[in-house]
Amino acid sequence: MSPDVTDEERSALTPQCGFNLCGIDFFEPLGRRLYLIKHYDKYQDALKAKKDRERPEEYVILYVGA
């Protein structure tokens, strides 16, 4: 796993079901870098939203529910 985010952050933003589109703010202190952009029920919607982000410099991750 990436040392850029903590396991606690990752766990907090991993949904029970569906998909969370999350961003990483590398200027925040470790432990506060991940933030939720939006939750999606369908993978296709989450993937489209990830591809359609208007800020290409923004680093985004999809977290899949358990």
PDB file of N, CA and C in Angstrom:
ATOM      1  N   MET A   1       0.819  -1.186   0.000  1.00  0.00           N
ATOM      2  CA  MET A   1       0.000   0.000   0.000  1.00  0.00           C
ATOM      3  C   MET A   1       0.867   1.257   0.000  1.00  0.00           C
ATOM      4  N   SER A   2       0.248   2.340  -0.393  1.00  0.00           N
ATOM      5  CA  SER A   2       0.966   3.599  -0.506  1.00  0.00           C
ATOM      6  C   SER A   2       1.248   4.203   0.869  1.00  0.00           C
ATOM      7  N   PRO A   3       2.459   4.725   1.077  1.00  0.00           N
ATOM      8  CA  PRO A   3       2.764   5.388   2.347  1.00  0.00           C
ATOM      9  C   PRO A   3       2.171   6.793   2.412  1.00  0.00           C
ATOM     10  N   ASP A   4       1.472   7.216   1.341  1.00  0.00           N
ATOM     11  CA  ASP A   4       0.910   8.562   1.296  1.00  0.00           C
ATOM     12  C   ASP A   4      -0.365   8.704   2.116  1.00  0.00           C
ATOM     13  N   VAL A   5      -1.028   7.586   2.422  1.00  0.00           N
ATOM     14  CA  VAL A   5      -2.234   7.607   3.259  1.00  0.00           C
ATOM     15  C   VAL A   5      -2.119   6.512   4.305  1.00  0.00           C
ATOM     16  N   THR A   6      -2.800   6.704   5.417  1.00  0.00           N
ATOM     17  CA  THR A   6      -2.725   5.717   6.493  1.00  0.00           C
ATOM     18  C   THR A   6      -3.803   4.647   6.316  1.00  0.00           C
ATOM     19  N   ASP A   7      -3.603   3.536   6.976  1.00  0.00           N
ATOM     20  CA  ASP A   7      -4.600   2.465   6.952  1.00  0.00           C
ATOM     21  C   ASP A   7      -5.922   2.936   7.553  1.00  0.00           C
ATOM     22  N   GLU A   8      -5.859   3.799   8.552  1.00  0.00           N
ATOM     23  CA  GLU A   8      -7.065   4.313   9.183  1.00  0.00           C
ATOM     24  C   GLU A   8      -7.879   5.152   8.198  1.00  0.00           C
ATOM     25  N   GLU A   9      -7.194   5.998   7.415  1.00  0.00           N
ATOM     26  CA  GLU A   9      -7.889   6.796   6.402  1.00  0.00           C
ATOM     27  C   GLU A   9      -8.546   5.887   5.374  1.00  0.00           C
ATOM     28  N   ARG A  10      -7.787   4.953   4.903  1.00  0.00           N
ATOM     29  CA  ARG A  10      -8.262   4.014   3.881  1.00  0.00           C
ATOM     30  C   ARG A  10      -9.476   3.249   4.392  1.00  0.00           C
ATOM     31  N   SER A  11      -9.403   2.771   5.613  1.00  0.00           N
ATOM     32  CA  SER A  11     -10.500   2.019   6.212  1.00  0.00           C
ATOM     33  C   SER A  11     -11.744   2.892   6.378  1.00  0.00           C
ATOM     34  N   ALA A  12     -11.558   4.132   6.810  1.00  0.00           N
ATOM     35  CA  ALA A  12     -12.688   5.035   7.040  1.00  0.00           C
ATOM     36  C   ALA A  12     -13.417   5.371   5.741  1.00  0.00           C
ATOM     37  N   LEU A  13     -12.707   5.371   4.627  1.00  0.00           N
ATOM     38  CA  LEU A  13     -13.330   5.748   3.353  1.00  0.00           C
ATOM     39  C   LEU A  13     -13.650   4.560   2.456  1.00  0.00           C
ATOM     40  N   THR A  14     -13.490   3.347   2.966  1.00  0.00           N
ATOM     41  CA  THR A  14     -13.894   2.167   2.212  1.00  0.00           C
ATOM     42  C   THR A  14     -15.355   1.881   2.564  1.00  0.00           C
ATOM     43  N   PRO A  15     -16.241   1.938   1.579  1.00  0.00           N
ATOM     44  CA  PRO A  15     -17.663   1.779   1.875  1.00  0.00           C
ATOM     45  C   PRO A  15     -18.042   0.326   2.157  1.00  0.00           C
ATOM     46  N   GLN A  16     -19.173   0.132   2.811  1.00  0.00           N
ATOM     47  CA  GLN A  16     -19.709  -1.213   3.042  1.00  0.00           C
ATOM     48  C   GLN A  16     -20.190  -1.824   1.735  1.00  0.00           C
ATOM     49  N   CYS A  17     -20.733  -0.986   0.858  1.00  0.00           N
ATOM     50  CA  CYS A  17     -21.156  -1.431  -0.472  1.00  0.00           C
ATOM     51  C   CYS A  17     -20.987  -0.260  -1.435  1.00  0.00           C
ATOM     52  N   GLY A  18     -20.931  -0.554  -2.698  1.00  0.00           N
ATOM     53  CA  GLY A  18     -20.763   0.492  -3.689  1.00  0.00           C
ATOM     54  C   GLY A  18     -19.309   0.920  -3.814  1.00  0.00           C
ATOM     55  N   PHE A  19     -19.121   2.160  -4.251  1.00  0.00           N
ATOM     56  CA  PHE A  19     -17.790   2.663  -4.565  1.00  0.00           C
ATOM     57  C   PHE A  19     -17.655   4.105  -4.100  1.00  0.00           C
ATOM     58  N   ASN A  20     -16.556   4.420  -3.438  1.00  0.00           N
ATOM     59  CA  ASN A  20     -16.254   5.784  -3.038  1.00  0.00           C
ATOM     60  C   ASN A  20     -15.157   6.329  -3.936  1.00  0.00           C
ATOM     61  N   LEU A  21     -15.423   7.461  -4.554  1.00  0.00           N
ATOM     62  CA  LEU A  21     -14.402   8.172  -5.319  1.00  0.00           C
ATOM     63  C   LEU A  21     -13.744   9.136  -4.344  1.00  0.00           C
ATOM     64  N   CYS A  22     -12.457   8.945  -4.104  1.00  0.00           N
ATOM     65  CA  CYS A  22     -11.732   9.727  -3.115  1.00  0.00           C
ATOM     66  C   CYS A  22     -10.557  10.435  -3.765  1.00  0.00           C
ATOM     67  N   GLY A  23     -10.205  11.561  -3.200  1.00  0.00           N
ATOM     68  CA  GLY A  23      -9.044  12.306  -3.643  1.00  0.00           C
ATOM     69  C   GLY A  23      -7.975  12.286  -2.577  1.00  0.00           C
ATOM     70  N   ILE A  24      -6.750  12.593  -2.995  1.00  0.00           N
ATOM     71  CA  ILE A  24      -5.641  12.699  -2.048  1.00  0.00           C
ATOM     72  C   ILE A  24      -5.080  14.112  -2.131  1.00  0.00           C
ATOM     73  N   ASP A  25      -5.003  14.768  -0.992  1.00  0.00           N
ATOM     74  CA  ASP A  25      -4.396  16.096  -0.897  1.00  0.00           C
ATOM     75  C   ASP A  25      -3.041  15.921  -0.226  1.00  0.00           C
ATOM     76  N   PHE A  26      -1.991  15.947  -1.020  1.00  0.00           N
ATOM     77  CA  PHE A  26      -0.648  15.694  -0.513  1.00  0.00           C
ATOM     78  C   PHE A  26      -0.121  16.820   0.370  1.00  0.00           C
ATOM     79  N   PHE A  27      -0.823  17.954   0.421  1.00  0.00           N
ATOM     80  CA  PHE A  27      -0.391  19.064   1.263  1.00  0.00           C
ATOM     81  C   PHE A  27      -0.929  18.969   2.684  1.00  0.00           C
ATOM     82  N   GLU A  28      -1.879  18.085   2.906  1.00  0.00           N
ATOM     83  CA  GLU A  28      -2.405  17.854   4.250  1.00  0.00           C
ATOM     84  C   GLU A  28      -1.449  16.950   5.020  1.00  0.00           C
ATOM     85  N   PRO A  29      -1.487  17.003   6.340  1.00  0.00           N
ATOM     86  CA  PRO A  29      -0.627  16.113   7.130  1.00  0.00           C
ATOM     87  C   PRO A  29      -1.065  14.659   6.983  1.00  0.00           C
ATOM     88  N   LEU A  30      -0.131  13.760   7.178  1.00  0.00           N
ATOM     89  CA  LEU A  30      -0.418  12.333   7.114  1.00  0.00           C
ATOM     90  C   LEU A  30      -1.536  12.003   8.095  1.00  0.00           C
ATOM     91  N   GLY A  31      -2.538  11.271   7.622  1.00  0.00           N
ATOM     92  CA  GLY A  31      -3.698  10.957   8.434  1.00  0.00           C
ATOM     93  C   GLY A  31      -4.910  11.795   8.079  1.00  0.00           C
ATOM     94  N   ARG A  32      -4.696  12.846   7.275  1.00  0.00           N
ATOM     95  CA  ARG A  32      -5.802  13.723   6.867  1.00  0.00           C
ATOM     96  C   ARG A  32      -5.779  13.990   5.366  1.00  0.00           C
ATOM     97  N   ARG A  33      -5.117  13.143   4.609  1.00  0.00           N
ATOM     98  CA  ARG A  33      -4.932  13.399   3.183  1.00  0.00           C
ATOM     99  C   ARG A  33      -6.085  12.945   2.306  1.00  0.00           C
ATOM    100  N   LEU A  34      -6.754  11.868   2.680  1.00  0.00           N
ATOM    101  CA  LEU A  34      -7.856  11.365   1.863  1.00  0.00           C
ATOM    102  C   LEU A  34      -9.127  12.167   2.124  1.00  0.00           C
ATOM    103  N   TYR A  35      -9.889  12.420   1.067  1.00  0.00           N
ATOM    104  CA  TYR A  35     -11.191  13.061   1.229  1.00  0.00           C
ATOM    105  C   TYR A  35     -12.173  12.443   0.241  1.00  0.00           C
ATOM    106  N   LEU A  36     -13.413  12.365   0.652  1.00  0.00           N
ATOM    107  CA  LEU A  36     -14.469  11.781  -0.170  1.00  0.00           C
ATOM    108  C   LEU A  36     -14.929  12.799  -1.198  1.00  0.00           C
ATOM    109  N   ILE A  37     -14.973  12.363  -2.464  1.00  0.00           N
ATOM    110  CA  ILE A  37     -15.528  13.198  -3.519  1.00  0.00           C
ATOM    111  C   ILE A  37     -17.006  12.869  -3.679  1.00  0.00           C
ATOM    112  N   LYS A  38     -17.318  11.574  -3.871  1.00  0.00           N
ATOM    113  CA  LYS A  38     -18.709  11.156  -4.019  1.00  0.00           C
ATOM    114  C   LYS A  38     -18.808   9.642  -3.922  1.00  0.00           C
ATOM    115  N   HIS A  39     -19.947   9.162  -3.442  1.00  0.00           N
ATOM    116  CA  HIS A  39     -20.232   7.730  -3.373  1.00  0.00           C
ATOM    117  C   HIS A  39     -21.092   7.334  -4.571  1.00  0.00           C
ATOM    118  N   TYR A  40     -20.811   6.164  -5.142  1.00  0.00           N
ATOM    119  CA  TYR A  40     -21.574   5.640  -6.278  1.00  0.00           C
ATOM    120  C   TYR A  40     -22.007   4.220  -5.970  1.00  0.00           C
ATOM    121  N   ASP A  41     -23.191   3.871  -6.445  1.00  0.00           N
ATOM    122  CA  ASP A  41     -23.687   2.511  -6.275  1.00  0.00           C
ATOM    123  C   ASP A  41     -23.168   1.587  -7.374  1.00  0.00           C
ATOM    124  N   LYS A  42     -22.952   2.142  -8.562  1.00  0.00           N
ATOM    125  CA  LYS A  42     -22.531   1.334  -9.709  1.00  0.00           C
ATOM    126  C   LYS A  42     -21.097   1.653 -10.112  1.00  0.00           C
ATOM    127  N   TYR A  43     -20.360   0.585 -10.442  1.00  0.00           N
ATOM    128  CA  TYR A  43     -18.962   0.734 -10.857  1.00  0.00           C
ATOM    129  C   TYR A  43     -18.849   1.610 -12.097  1.00  0.00           C
ATOM    130  N   GLN A  44     -19.752   1.430 -13.067  1.00  0.00           N
ATOM    131  CA  GLN A  44     -19.696   2.196 -14.302  1.00  0.00           C
ATOM    132  C   GLN A  44     -19.811   3.692 -14.032  1.00  0.00           C
ATOM    133  N   ASP A  45     -20.679   4.072 -13.106  1.00  0.00           N
ATOM    134  CA  ASP A  45     -20.844   5.485 -12.763  1.00  0.00           C
ATOM    135  C   ASP A  45     -19.597   6.042 -12.079  1.00  0.00           C
ATOM    136  N   ALA A  46     -19.025   5.255 -11.186  1.00  0.00           N
ATOM    137  CA  ALA A  46     -17.817   5.688 -10.477  1.00  0.00           C
ATOM    138  C   ALA A  46     -16.640   5.835 -11.437  1.00  0.00           C
ATOM    139  N   LEU A  47     -16.488   4.883 -12.334  1.00  0.00           N
ATOM    140  CA  LEU A  47     -15.395   4.934 -13.296  1.00  0.00           C
ATOM    141  C   LEU A  47     -15.556   6.113 -14.250  1.00  0.00           C
ATOM    142  N   LYS A  48     -16.776   6.366 -14.698  1.00  0.00           N
ATOM    143  CA  LYS A  48     -17.023   7.508 -15.587  1.00  0.00           C
ATOM    144  C   LYS A  48     -16.707   8.818 -14.869  1.00  0.00           C
ATOM    145  N   ALA A  49     -17.125   8.924 -13.611  1.00  0.00           N
ATOM    146  CA  ALA A  49     -16.852  10.135 -12.832  1.00  0.00           C
ATOM    147  C   ALA A  49     -15.351  10.333 -12.655  1.00  0.00           C
ATOM    148  N   LYS A  50     -14.626   9.248 -12.446  1.00  0.00           N
ATOM    149  CA  LYS A  50     -13.173   9.341 -12.287  1.00  0.00           C
ATOM    150  C   LYS A  50     -12.528   9.852 -13.573  1.00  0.00           C
ATOM    151  N   LYS A  51     -12.997   9.342 -14.706  1.00  0.00           N
ATOM    152  CA  LYS A  51     -12.438   9.760 -16.000  1.00  0.00           C
ATOM    153  C   LYS A  51     -12.826  11.191 -16.366  1.00  0.00           C
ATOM    154  N   ASP A  52     -13.987  11.642 -15.887  1.00  0.00           N
ATOM    155  CA  ASP A  52     -14.513  12.954 -16.257  1.00  0.00           C
ATOM    156  C   ASP A  52     -14.095  14.082 -15.320  1.00  0.00           C
ATOM    157  N   ARG A  53     -13.205  13.810 -14.381  1.00  0.00           N
ATOM    158  CA  ARG A  53     -12.760  14.860 -13.458  1.00  0.00           C
ATOM    159  C   ARG A  53     -12.161  16.013 -14.252  1.00  0.00           C
ATOM    160  N   GLU A  54     -12.521  17.238 -13.877  1.00  0.00           N
ATOM    161  CA  GLU A  54     -12.078  18.417 -14.608  1.00  0.00           C
ATOM    162  C   GLU A  54     -10.658  18.845 -14.264  1.00  0.00           C
ATOM    163  N   ARG A  55     -10.148  18.380 -13.159  1.00  0.00           N
ATOM    164  CA  ARG A  55      -8.792  18.758 -12.744  1.00  0.00           C
ATOM    165  C   ARG A  55      -7.869  17.566 -12.934  1.00  0.00           C
ATOM    166  N   PRO A  56      -7.168  17.483 -14.048  1.00  0.00           N
ATOM    167  CA  PRO A  56      -6.310  16.319 -14.309  1.00  0.00           C
ATOM    168  C   PRO A  56      -5.154  16.175 -13.321  1.00  0.00           C
ATOM    169  N   GLU A  57      -4.793  17.254 -12.632  1.00  0.00           N
ATOM    170  CA  GLU A  57      -3.704  17.169 -11.659  1.00  0.00           C
ATOM    171  C   GLU A  57      -4.163  16.551 -10.343  1.00  0.00           C
ATOM    172  N   GLU A  58      -5.468  16.408 -10.172  1.00  0.00           N
ATOM    173  CA  GLU A  58      -6.018  15.824  -8.956  1.00  0.00           C
ATOM    174  C   GLU A  58      -5.821  14.306  -8.981  1.00  0.00           C
ATOM    175  N   TYR A  59      -5.313  13.762  -7.902  1.00  0.00           N
ATOM    176  CA  TYR A  59      -5.084  12.327  -7.803  1.00  0.00           C
ATOM    177  C   TYR A  59      -6.294  11.692  -7.132  1.00  0.00           C
ATOM    178  N   VAL A  60      -6.989  10.814  -7.859  1.00  0.00           N
ATOM    179  CA  VAL A  60      -8.204  10.190  -7.323  1.00  0.00           C
ATOM    180  C   VAL A  60      -8.075   8.671  -7.297  1.00  0.00           C
ATOM    181  N   ILE A  61      -8.798   8.062  -6.351  1.00  0.00           N
ATOM    182  CA  ILE A  61      -8.777   6.612  -6.140  1.00  0.00           C
ATOM    183  C   ILE A  61     -10.218   6.157  -5.962  1.00  0.00           C
ATOM    184  N   LEU A  62     -10.518   4.960  -6.466  1.00  0.00           N
ATOM    185  CA  LEU A  62     -11.820   4.327  -6.198  1.00  0.00           C
ATOM    186  C   LEU A  62     -11.633   3.277  -5.119  1.00  0.00           C
ATOM    187  N   TYR A  63     -12.428   3.393  -4.047  1.00  0.00           N
ATOM    188  CA  TYR A  63     -12.425   2.356  -3.012  1.00  0.00           C
ATOM    189  C   TYR A  63     -13.700   1.548  -3.159  1.00  0.00           C
ATOM    190  N   VAL A  64     -13.540   0.234  -3.223  1.00  0.00           N
ATOM    191  CA  VAL A  64     -14.644  -0.696  -3.454  1.00  0.00           C
ATOM    192  C   VAL A  64     -15.157  -1.234  -2.130  1.00  0.00           C
ATOM    193  N   GLY A  65     -16.475  -1.316  -2.003  1.00  0.00           N
ATOM    194  CA  GLY A  65     -17.087  -1.844  -0.789  1.00  0.00           C
ATOM    195  C   GLY A  65     -16.780  -3.316  -0.586  1.00  0.00           C
ATOM    196  N   ALA A  66     -16.881  -3.740   0.650  1.00  0.00           N
ATOM    197  CA  ALA A  66     -16.552  -5.118   1.018  1.00  0.00           C
ATOM    198  C   ALA A  66     -17.531  -6.123   0.473  1.00  0.00           C
TER     199      ALA A  66
END
